[in-house]
Amino acid sequence: MHFKWMFKNTFLIHVFFLLAVLSSCKAQNNPQTKNIIVAANRTELYLPLLQAKKVGIVANQTSVIFKNTGYTHLIDSLLQRNISIQKVFSPEHGFRGTADAAEKVNNSVDVTTQLPIVSLYGKHKKPTTEDLKGIDLMIFDIQDVGVRFYTYISTLHYVMEACAENQIPLLVLDRPNPNGHYVDGPMLNPKYSSFVGKHPVPLVYGMTIGEYATMINGEKWLANQIQCDLTLIPLSNYNHNSSYHLPIRPSPNLPNDKAINLYPSLGFFEGTPINAGRGTTYQFQRYGSSSFPKTNFYYTPKPNYGSKYPKDDAKICYGVNLTNTQKLSKVSMDWLVDAYHKYPDKTAFFGKTFTIHAGDTILEYQLKNGFTAKEIEQSWQSKTQIFKKLRKKYLVY
């Protein structure tokens, strides 16, 4: 049995929603549940759909089936079950998740399985008709972190669009959102849509990647308002207040739960000269600059795993240590405002990607005009409230 999101069929939507809620009812009374079952583990729901099909898979290092001890990669498990996998499609950072942010990843062949790997990054973000030739069904199974400028949801968009244009059904295996407990941050202005943020959503949207896929479909955000033949395999024992530890880092510079929680607030530094911990083992858990005034806290970025060319390479950076901050349930502007005030060359603070990370020019204007962190955070609240009403239509958990 499987549950298919057909927006023309309201009955099926309500039936699926009820079943999903029932499947997670145990978690409702225990927000710290450790019994969350990811969709990849719920093989009984999707293996029947793969029989006698030629399958393509969008996957990376997080696409695993968990065991009592350890885990196996989804692709290895499916091959063991004689599922006919034709091709693997990989997002930013590559199939094994080792490439730097923005690093070009070429097409290749997986050493373990000898399957061809098509990179969906760089100039080739969307599968072509030729890429999809001979595929009957696509699977998407990637761990997201629930932040607009984290590019896996842009890859999801393009995969859905390509599948819709080529009449290929898409199966999304859902995974928890570690930042799914809140909605906050500046809204993206469609004028500044890019691969670093495609849709008019707040920075933190509080949805699983499966829920987000249904919103892309339902809001007709794909080209020419087409819709993908989408099947969602849901999580079990999960709700948006569930605390979830990611056992595998979703990308090289998000090494732990603290970094993932701080990422929405510190990710703005990607569009500035400020170092956000890249080139250290505390990525997105500190920030600093060699141009800041001297402080008691300092560090020296050096090339390492996930950061071949860190900002302020080999220079002493003075800044702020955030490893002991409490878990956030909002996007904090405290650190961006602090960094802007400390950085001596205001004309060089805003890099070429700052606007697409922020989603609009408003944030740059606010910083330049002396808005406080609290005033900036308050400025987007009305738009996030409107989004929450839209979001509610697509929540499964």
Foldseek 3Di string as FASTA:
>chain_A
DFQWDDVVDVVSVVVLLVVLCVLQVVLVVPQADPPKAFLLQVCVHPVVVQPPFAEEEEAALLQWHQDPPGTHHSVVVVVVVVRHYAAYEYEPCGRHQQAAVLDDDQWDADPPPRHTYHYLDDPNVADDPVNCPRGQAYEYEAFDQQFQQPQPLVSVLRDQLRCLVVVHAYEYTWDDHQLLQAAFAAFADCVLADSSGHDGGHRGHNAISLLVLVLCLVVQVHPPSTHHRYTYRDMGNDDSSHHDWRPDQRHFQQPGSQQSQQCSQCVLQVQFLKFQQAQHNCHNQWIWDLQFPADPDWDARAADGNRNDTRNHRHITHTDGRPPPDRDNYHFNQRVLVVCVRHDPNVRGGHPCNCSSNNHCVVVVCSVVPHHRVRNRVVRVVVNVVSVVSSVVRHSD
